[in-house]
């Protein structure tokens, strides 16, 4: 987008370029209802507004942070049509944070096991390998 363009009246391709995602991602979010269908021109072209661009950035950032589609739906208030309160958003975020911390702990255990196992391996061209023995257990 140039300095003179705004984020309103964008085609799907322009919205994809401006947001850094691909066209298929935008289609998917429309299909799942996270991104509302844009109005169309008389010729049938979809025209996205600044509100679409803002919402798409929100969705993309939430996905980067690991929120599920259902979490995002809840954050946007799409599940029951009600705008979520700050308390509801915080609770959802804290649940997600707990899940992330549990995954980090799991990955740290995996890392420790792999470090220990790799340290036992000589790396020599021999048939006996402690890494394979550990995996077989």
C-alpha atoms as a PDB file:
ATOM      1  CA  UNK A   1       0.000   0.000   0.000  1.00  0.00           C
ATOM      2  CA  UNK A   2       1.300   3.468  -0.776  1.00  0.00           C
ATOM      3  CA  UNK A   3       1.243   6.426   1.594  1.00  0.00           C
ATOM      4  CA  UNK A   4      -1.823   7.777  -0.200  1.00  0.00           C
ATOM      5  CA  UNK A   5      -3.916   4.610   0.100  1.00  0.00           C
ATOM      6  CA  UNK A   6      -6.106   3.944   3.087  1.00  0.00           C
ATOM      7  CA  UNK A   7      -7.411   0.699   4.475  1.00  0.00           C
ATOM      8  CA  UNK A   8     -10.897   1.319   3.147  1.00  0.00           C
ATOM      9  CA  UNK A   9     -12.322   0.211  -0.151  1.00  0.00           C
ATOM     10  CA  UNK A  10      -9.763  -2.564  -0.511  1.00  0.00           C
ATOM     11  CA  UNK A  11     -10.066  -5.556  -2.775  1.00  0.00           C
ATOM     12  CA  UNK A  12      -9.378  -8.958  -1.247  1.00  0.00           C
ATOM     13  CA  UNK A  13      -5.917  -8.968  -2.819  1.00  0.00           C
ATOM     14  CA  UNK A  14      -5.131  -5.538  -1.403  1.00  0.00           C
ATOM     15  CA  UNK A  15      -6.392  -6.578   2.026  1.00  0.00           C
ATOM     16  CA  UNK A  16      -4.231  -9.699   1.873  1.00  0.00           C
ATOM     17  CA  UNK A  17      -1.192  -7.640   0.916  1.00  0.00           C
ATOM     18  CA  UNK A  18      -1.858  -5.000   3.592  1.00  0.00           C
ATOM     19  CA  UNK A  19      -2.315  -7.613   6.325  1.00  0.00           C
ATOM     20  CA  UNK A  20       0.507  -9.911   5.239  1.00  0.00           C
ATOM     21  CA  UNK A  21      -1.737 -12.952   4.891  1.00  0.00           C
ATOM     22  CA  UNK A  22      -2.902 -14.748   1.794  1.00  0.00           C
ATOM     23  CA  UNK A  23      -6.228 -14.557   0.016  1.00  0.00           C
ATOM     24  CA  UNK A  24      -7.183 -18.093   1.030  1.00  0.00           C
ATOM     25  CA  UNK A  25      -6.806 -17.141   4.695  1.00  0.00           C
ATOM     26  CA  UNK A  26      -9.242 -14.264   4.224  1.00  0.00           C
ATOM     27  CA  UNK A  27     -11.686 -16.598   2.458  1.00  0.00           C
ATOM     28  CA  UNK A  28     -11.381 -19.077   5.312  1.00  0.00           C
ATOM     29  CA  UNK A  29     -12.091 -16.450   7.973  1.00  0.00           C
ATOM     30  CA  UNK A  30     -15.118 -15.294   5.989  1.00  0.00           C
ATOM     31  CA  UNK A  31     -16.357 -18.861   5.611  1.00  0.00           C
ATOM     32  CA  UNK A  32     -16.028 -19.518   9.344  1.00  0.00           C
ATOM     33  CA  UNK A  33     -17.779 -16.257  10.209  1.00  0.00           C
ATOM     34  CA  UNK A  34     -14.834 -14.582  11.946  1.00  0.00           C
ATOM     35  CA  UNK A  35     -14.612 -11.968   9.220  1.00  0.00           C
ATOM     36  CA  UNK A  36     -17.953 -10.599   8.018  1.00  0.00           C
ATOM     37  CA  UNK A  37     -18.766 -10.731   4.343  1.00  0.00           C
ATOM     38  CA  UNK A  38     -17.916  -7.408   2.735  1.00  0.00           C
ATOM     39  CA  UNK A  39     -20.302  -5.482   0.540  1.00  0.00           C
ATOM     40  CA  UNK A  40     -19.953  -5.931  -3.203  1.00  0.00           C
ATOM     41  CA  UNK A  41     -19.730  -3.472  -6.016  1.00  0.00           C
ATOM     42  CA  UNK A  42     -22.262  -3.571  -8.845  1.00  0.00           C
ATOM     43  CA  UNK A  43     -19.716  -5.643 -10.731  1.00  0.00           C
ATOM     44  CA  UNK A  44     -19.649  -8.174  -7.887  1.00  0.00           C
ATOM     45  CA  UNK A  45     -16.224  -7.324  -6.455  1.00  0.00           C
ATOM     46  CA  UNK A  46     -15.829  -7.511  -2.697  1.00  0.00           C
ATOM     47  CA  UNK A  47     -14.811  -4.222  -1.129  1.00  0.00           C
ATOM     48  CA  UNK A  48     -13.287  -4.377   2.345  1.00  0.00           C
ATOM     49  CA  UNK A  49     -13.431  -1.494   4.793  1.00  0.00           C
ATOM     50  CA  UNK A  50     -10.991  -0.262   7.419  1.00  0.00           C
ATOM     51  CA  UNK A  51     -13.093  -2.189   9.954  1.00  0.00           C
ATOM     52  CA  UNK A  52     -12.448  -5.419   8.007  1.00  0.00           C
ATOM     53  CA  UNK A  53      -8.704  -4.686   8.008  1.00  0.00           C
ATOM     54  CA  UNK A  54      -8.708  -3.989  11.753  1.00  0.00           C
ATOM     55  CA  UNK A  55     -10.658  -7.167  12.503  1.00  0.00           C
ATOM     56  CA  UNK A  56      -8.393  -9.238  10.254  1.00  0.00           C
ATOM     57  CA  UNK A  57      -5.299  -7.901  12.048  1.00  0.00           C
ATOM     58  CA  UNK A  58      -6.957  -8.806  15.368  1.00  0.00           C
ATOM     59  CA  UNK A  59      -7.638 -12.358  14.169  1.00  0.00           C
ATOM     60  CA  UNK A  60      -4.137 -12.805  12.765  1.00  0.00           C
ATOM     61  CA  UNK A  61      -2.495 -11.508  15.943  1.00  0.00           C
ATOM     62  CA  UNK A  62      -4.689 -13.716  18.127  1.00  0.00           C
ATOM     63  CA  UNK A  63      -3.700 -16.720  15.997  1.00  0.00           C
ATOM     64  CA  UNK A  64      -0.002 -15.757  16.342  1.00  0.00           C
ATOM     65  CA  UNK A  65      -0.497 -15.830  20.107  1.00  0.00           C
ATOM     66  CA  UNK A  66      -1.959 -19.314  19.858  1.00  0.00           C
ATOM     67  CA  UNK A  67      -5.616 -18.579  20.510  1.00  0.00           C
ATOM     68  CA  UNK A  68      -7.925 -21.152  18.972  1.00  0.00           C
ATOM     69  CA  UNK A  69     -10.607 -20.202  16.490  1.00  0.00           C
ATOM     70  CA  UNK A  70     -13.194 -20.749  19.227  1.00  0.00           C
ATOM     71  CA  UNK A  71     -11.249 -18.475  21.596  1.00  0.00           C
ATOM     72  CA  UNK A  72     -11.142 -15.787  18.933  1.00  0.00           C
ATOM     73  CA  UNK A  73     -14.854 -16.207  18.303  1.00  0.00           C
ATOM     74  CA  UNK A  74     -15.419 -15.643  22.031  1.00  0.00           C
ATOM     75  CA  UNK A  75     -13.067 -12.654  22.159  1.00  0.00           C
ATOM     76  CA  UNK A  76     -15.004 -11.094  19.304  1.00  0.00           C
ATOM     77  CA  UNK A  77     -18.322 -11.858  20.996  1.00  0.00           C
ATOM     78  CA  UNK A  78     -19.491 -14.025  18.111  1.00  0.00           C
ATOM     79  CA  UNK A  79     -20.603 -17.059  20.106  1.00  0.00           C
ATOM     80  CA  UNK A  80     -23.634 -15.552  21.757  1.00  0.00           C
ATOM     81  CA  UNK A  81     -23.741 -12.166  20.083  1.00  0.00           C
ATOM     82  CA  UNK A  82     -22.808 -10.354  23.293  1.00  0.00           C
ATOM     83  CA  UNK A  83     -19.738  -8.176  23.528  1.00  0.00           C
ATOM     84  CA  UNK A  84     -17.417  -9.850  26.030  1.00  0.00           C
ATOM     85  CA  UNK A  85     -16.553  -8.007  29.208  1.00  0.00           C
ATOM     86  CA  UNK A  86     -12.987  -7.306  30.220  1.00  0.00           C
ATOM     87  CA  UNK A  87     -13.383  -9.916  32.978  1.00  0.00           C
ATOM     88  CA  UNK A  88     -14.436 -12.567  30.420  1.00  0.00           C
ATOM     89  CA  UNK A  89     -11.543 -11.670  28.121  1.00  0.00           C
ATOM     90  CA  UNK A  90      -9.110 -11.827  31.031  1.00  0.00           C
ATOM     91  CA  UNK A  91     -10.427 -15.225  32.135  1.00  0.00           C
ATOM     92  CA  UNK A  92     -10.124 -16.595  28.609  1.00  0.00           C
ATOM     93  CA  UNK A  93      -6.612 -15.159  28.305  1.00  0.00           C
ATOM     94  CA  UNK A  94      -5.533 -16.619  31.642  1.00  0.00           C
ATOM     95  CA  UNK A  95      -6.824 -20.070  30.618  1.00  0.00           C
ATOM     96  CA  UNK A  96      -4.864 -19.775  27.399  1.00  0.00           C
ATOM     97  CA  UNK A  97      -1.768 -18.674  29.329  1.00  0.00           C
ATOM     98  CA  UNK A  98      -2.065 -21.705  31.604  1.00  0.00           C
ATOM     99  CA  UNK A  99      -2.235 -23.953  28.521  1.00  0.00           C
ATOM    100  CA  UNK A 100       0.840 -22.253  27.042  1.00  0.00           C
ATOM    101  CA  UNK A 101       2.771 -22.667  30.292  1.00  0.00           C
ATOM    102  CA  UNK A 102       1.846 -26.366  30.422  1.00  0.00           C
ATOM    103  CA  UNK A 103       3.078 -26.820  26.850  1.00  0.00           C
ATOM    104  CA  UNK A 104       6.312 -24.992  27.689  1.00  0.00           C
ATOM    105  CA  UNK A 105       6.844 -27.301  30.683  1.00  0.00           C
ATOM    106  CA  UNK A 106       6.238 -30.332  28.444  1.00  0.00           C
ATOM    107  CA  UNK A 107       8.709 -29.020  25.883  1.00  0.00           C
ATOM    108  CA  UNK A 108      11.303 -28.406  28.605  1.00  0.00           C
ATOM    109  CA  UNK A 109      10.939 -32.031  29.727  1.00  0.00           C
ATOM    110  CA  UNK A 110      11.361 -33.181  26.138  1.00  0.00           C
ATOM    111  CA  UNK A 111      14.407 -30.945  25.766  1.00  0.00           C
ATOM    112  CA  UNK A 112      16.009 -32.348  28.929  1.00  0.00           C
ATOM    113  CA  UNK A 113      15.443 -35.917  27.742  1.00  0.00           C
ATOM    114  CA  UNK A 114      16.903 -35.185  24.322  1.00  0.00           C
ATOM    115  CA  UNK A 115      19.928 -33.388  25.775  1.00  0.00           C
ATOM    116  CA  UNK A 116      20.614 -36.316  28.099  1.00  0.00           C
ATOM    117  CA  UNK A 117      20.118 -38.873  25.341  1.00  0.00           C
ATOM    118  CA  UNK A 118      22.247 -37.008  22.802  1.00  0.00           C
ATOM    119  CA  UNK A 119      25.032 -36.682  25.365  1.00  0.00           C
ATOM    120  CA  UNK A 120      25.152 -40.488  25.673  1.00  0.00           C
ATOM    121  CA  UNK A 121      25.618 -40.905  21.934  1.00  0.00           C
ATOM    122  CA  UNK A 122      29.162 -40.992  20.591  1.00  0.00           C
ATOM    123  CA  UNK A 123      28.067 -40.171  17.083  1.00  0.00           C
ATOM    124  CA  UNK A 124      30.380 -42.898  15.802  1.00  0.00           C
ATOM    125  CA  UNK A 125      29.575 -45.081  12.833  1.00  0.00           C
ATOM    126  CA  UNK A 126      28.605 -48.050  15.026  1.00  0.00           C
ATOM    127  CA  UNK A 127      25.336 -50.019  15.091  1.00  0.00           C
ATOM    128  CA  UNK A 128      24.616 -49.447  18.801  1.00  0.00           C
ATOM    129  CA  UNK A 129      23.026 -46.070  19.429  1.00  0.00           C
ATOM    130  CA  UNK A 130      21.749 -44.801  22.803  1.00  0.00           C
ATOM    131  CA  UNK A 131      19.292 -42.490  21.052  1.00  0.00           C
ATOM    132  CA  UNK A 132      17.630 -45.436  19.278  1.00  0.00           C
ATOM    133  CA  UNK A 133      17.673 -47.439  22.513  1.00  0.00           C
ATOM    134  CA  UNK A 134      15.917 -44.604  24.351  1.00  0.00           C
ATOM    135  CA  UNK A 135      13.286 -44.279  21.609  1.00  0.00           C
ATOM    136  CA  UNK A 136      12.672 -48.031  21.674  1.00  0.00           C
ATOM    137  CA  UNK A 137      11.950 -48.014  25.430  1.00  0.00           C
END
